[in-house]
């Protein structure tokens, strides 16, 4: 139990440090057009949330 707790506690800061280092280094070309050709209509957003909730309904 203790090892799992320590691993989980250190995982998030390490991931955050790696991502922030990559962003500061300028490696953001994949983030420039991440939402290109997507729709932001309320109906589409509602369906996306519904599908997400449906996927995790069994948990």
N, C-alpha and C. Protein backbone atom coordinates (compact mmCIF):
# COMPACT_ATOMS: atom_id res chain seq x y z
N UNK A 1 0.82 -1.19 0.00
CA UNK A 1 0.00 0.00 0.00
C UNK A 1 0.86 1.26 0.00
N UNK A 2 1.93 1.25 0.75
CA UNK A 2 2.78 2.41 0.85
C UNK A 2 3.51 2.68 -0.47
N UNK A 3 3.97 1.63 -1.14
CA UNK A 3 4.67 1.80 -2.41
C UNK A 3 3.73 2.38 -3.45
N UNK A 4 2.51 1.90 -3.48
CA UNK A 4 1.52 2.42 -4.42
C UNK A 4 1.25 3.89 -4.15
N UNK A 5 1.17 4.27 -2.91
CA UNK A 5 0.91 5.65 -2.55
C UNK A 5 2.07 6.56 -2.95
N UNK A 6 3.27 6.11 -2.73
CA UNK A 6 4.45 6.90 -3.10
C UNK A 6 4.55 7.02 -4.61
N UNK A 7 4.30 5.95 -5.32
CA UNK A 7 4.36 5.98 -6.77
C UNK A 7 3.33 6.95 -7.34
N UNK A 8 2.15 6.91 -6.82
CA UNK A 8 1.09 7.79 -7.31
C UNK A 8 1.38 9.25 -6.97
N UNK A 9 1.95 9.49 -5.81
CA UNK A 9 2.25 10.84 -5.38
C UNK A 9 3.35 11.46 -6.23
N UNK A 10 4.31 10.68 -6.66
CA UNK A 10 5.41 11.22 -7.46
C UNK A 10 5.12 11.22 -8.95
N UNK A 11 4.15 10.47 -9.39
CA UNK A 11 3.86 10.36 -10.82
C UNK A 11 3.36 11.68 -11.40
N UNK A 12 2.46 12.35 -10.72
CA UNK A 12 1.88 13.59 -11.24
C UNK A 12 2.91 14.71 -11.35
N UNK A 13 3.71 14.99 -10.32
CA UNK A 13 4.70 16.05 -10.47
C UNK A 13 5.75 15.76 -11.54
N UNK A 14 6.12 14.51 -11.68
CA UNK A 14 7.10 14.16 -12.71
C UNK A 14 6.51 14.39 -14.10
N UNK A 15 5.26 13.97 -14.32
CA UNK A 15 4.61 14.19 -15.60
C UNK A 15 4.46 15.67 -15.90
N UNK A 16 4.10 16.44 -14.89
CA UNK A 16 3.95 17.88 -15.06
C UNK A 16 5.29 18.53 -15.40
N UNK A 17 6.35 18.09 -14.77
CA UNK A 17 7.67 18.64 -15.05
C UNK A 17 8.11 18.33 -16.48
N UNK A 18 7.87 17.13 -16.93
CA UNK A 18 8.25 16.76 -18.30
C UNK A 18 7.47 17.57 -19.32
N UNK A 19 6.16 17.71 -19.11
CA UNK A 19 5.33 18.48 -20.04
C UNK A 19 5.71 19.95 -20.06
N UNK A 20 5.98 20.52 -18.89
CA UNK A 20 6.34 21.93 -18.86
C UNK A 20 7.72 22.15 -19.49
N UNK A 21 8.63 21.21 -19.32
CA UNK A 21 9.93 21.32 -19.97
C UNK A 21 9.79 21.29 -21.49
N UNK A 22 8.95 20.39 -21.99
CA UNK A 22 8.74 20.29 -23.43
C UNK A 22 8.09 21.56 -23.97
N UNK A 23 7.17 22.15 -23.22
CA UNK A 23 6.51 23.38 -23.66
C UNK A 23 7.49 24.54 -23.69
N UNK A 24 8.36 24.61 -22.68
CA UNK A 24 9.35 25.69 -22.66
C UNK A 24 10.40 25.52 -23.74
N UNK A 25 10.67 24.29 -24.14
CA UNK A 25 11.66 24.04 -25.19
C UNK A 25 11.11 24.36 -26.57
N UNK A 26 9.79 24.60 -26.67
CA UNK A 26 9.20 24.95 -27.95
C UNK A 26 8.64 23.78 -28.72
N UNK A 27 8.55 22.62 -28.11
CA UNK A 27 8.02 21.44 -28.80
C UNK A 27 6.50 21.42 -28.69
N UNK A 28 5.85 22.39 -29.34
CA UNK A 28 4.40 22.49 -29.24
C UNK A 28 3.72 22.42 -30.61
N UNK A 29 4.43 21.92 -31.61
CA UNK A 29 3.83 21.88 -32.95
C UNK A 29 2.60 20.99 -33.01
N UNK A 30 2.52 19.97 -32.15
CA UNK A 30 1.34 19.11 -32.15
C UNK A 30 0.15 19.76 -31.47
N UNK A 31 0.38 20.82 -30.72
CA UNK A 31 -0.70 21.48 -30.01
C UNK A 31 -1.28 22.67 -30.77
N UNK A 32 -0.66 23.05 -31.87
CA UNK A 32 -1.08 24.24 -32.59
C UNK A 32 -2.48 24.12 -33.18
N UNK A 33 -2.81 22.98 -33.71
CA UNK A 33 -4.12 22.81 -34.35
C UNK A 33 -4.80 21.54 -33.84
N UNK A 34 -4.84 21.39 -32.54
CA UNK A 34 -5.40 20.19 -31.93
C UNK A 34 -6.91 20.06 -32.11
N UNK A 35 -7.61 21.20 -32.22
CA UNK A 35 -9.06 21.16 -32.36
C UNK A 35 -9.52 21.62 -33.74
N UNK A 36 -8.66 21.48 -34.70
CA UNK A 36 -9.00 21.86 -36.08
C UNK A 36 -10.08 20.91 -36.61
N UNK A 37 -11.02 21.45 -37.36
CA UNK A 37 -12.12 20.70 -37.96
C UNK A 37 -13.03 20.04 -36.92
N UNK A 38 -13.21 20.68 -35.77
CA UNK A 38 -14.14 20.19 -34.78
C UNK A 38 -15.31 21.17 -34.66
N UNK A 39 -16.39 20.68 -34.11
CA UNK A 39 -17.59 21.50 -33.98
C UNK A 39 -17.76 21.88 -32.52
N UNK A 40 -18.20 23.12 -32.29
CA UNK A 40 -18.45 23.55 -30.92
C UNK A 40 -19.92 23.88 -30.70
N UNK A 41 -20.78 23.25 -31.48
CA UNK A 41 -22.21 23.48 -31.31
C UNK A 41 -22.67 22.83 -30.01
N UNK A 42 -23.67 23.40 -29.34
CA UNK A 42 -24.12 22.86 -28.05
C UNK A 42 -24.58 21.41 -28.14
N UNK A 43 -25.22 21.04 -29.23
CA UNK A 43 -25.68 19.66 -29.38
C UNK A 43 -24.53 18.67 -29.45
N UNK A 44 -23.49 19.03 -30.18
CA UNK A 44 -22.32 18.15 -30.30
C UNK A 44 -21.59 18.02 -28.97
N UNK A 45 -21.48 19.12 -28.26
CA UNK A 45 -20.83 19.09 -26.95
C UNK A 45 -21.65 18.23 -25.98
N UNK A 46 -22.98 18.36 -26.02
CA UNK A 46 -23.84 17.57 -25.14
C UNK A 46 -23.69 16.08 -25.43
N UNK A 47 -23.65 15.72 -26.70
CA UNK A 47 -23.48 14.31 -27.07
C UNK A 47 -22.12 13.79 -26.62
N UNK A 48 -21.09 14.63 -26.71
CA UNK A 48 -19.76 14.21 -26.27
C UNK A 48 -19.75 13.93 -24.77
N UNK A 49 -20.38 14.82 -23.99
CA UNK A 49 -20.45 14.58 -22.54
C UNK A 49 -21.27 13.33 -22.23
N UNK A 50 -22.36 13.14 -22.94
CA UNK A 50 -23.20 11.96 -22.73
C UNK A 50 -22.41 10.69 -23.02
N UNK A 51 -21.67 10.68 -24.12
CA UNK A 51 -20.87 9.51 -24.47
C UNK A 51 -19.78 9.25 -23.43
N UNK A 52 -19.17 10.32 -22.92
CA UNK A 52 -18.16 10.15 -21.88
C UNK A 52 -18.74 9.59 -20.61
N UNK A 53 -19.91 10.07 -20.22
CA UNK A 53 -20.55 9.55 -19.02
C UNK A 53 -21.01 8.11 -19.22
N UNK A 54 -21.47 7.80 -20.41
CA UNK A 54 -21.89 6.43 -20.71
C UNK A 54 -20.71 5.47 -20.62
N UNK A 55 -19.55 5.90 -21.08
CA UNK A 55 -18.36 5.04 -21.05
C UNK A 55 -17.95 4.68 -19.63
N UNK A 56 -18.11 5.62 -18.70
CA UNK A 56 -17.70 5.38 -17.32
C UNK A 56 -18.87 5.03 -16.41
N UNK A 57 -20.00 4.68 -16.98
CA UNK A 57 -21.21 4.39 -16.19
C UNK A 57 -21.02 3.16 -15.30
N UNK A 58 -20.27 2.19 -15.76
CA UNK A 58 -20.11 0.96 -15.01
C UNK A 58 -19.13 1.06 -13.85
N UNK A 59 -18.44 2.15 -13.74
CA UNK A 59 -17.44 2.29 -12.68
C UNK A 59 -18.14 2.71 -11.46
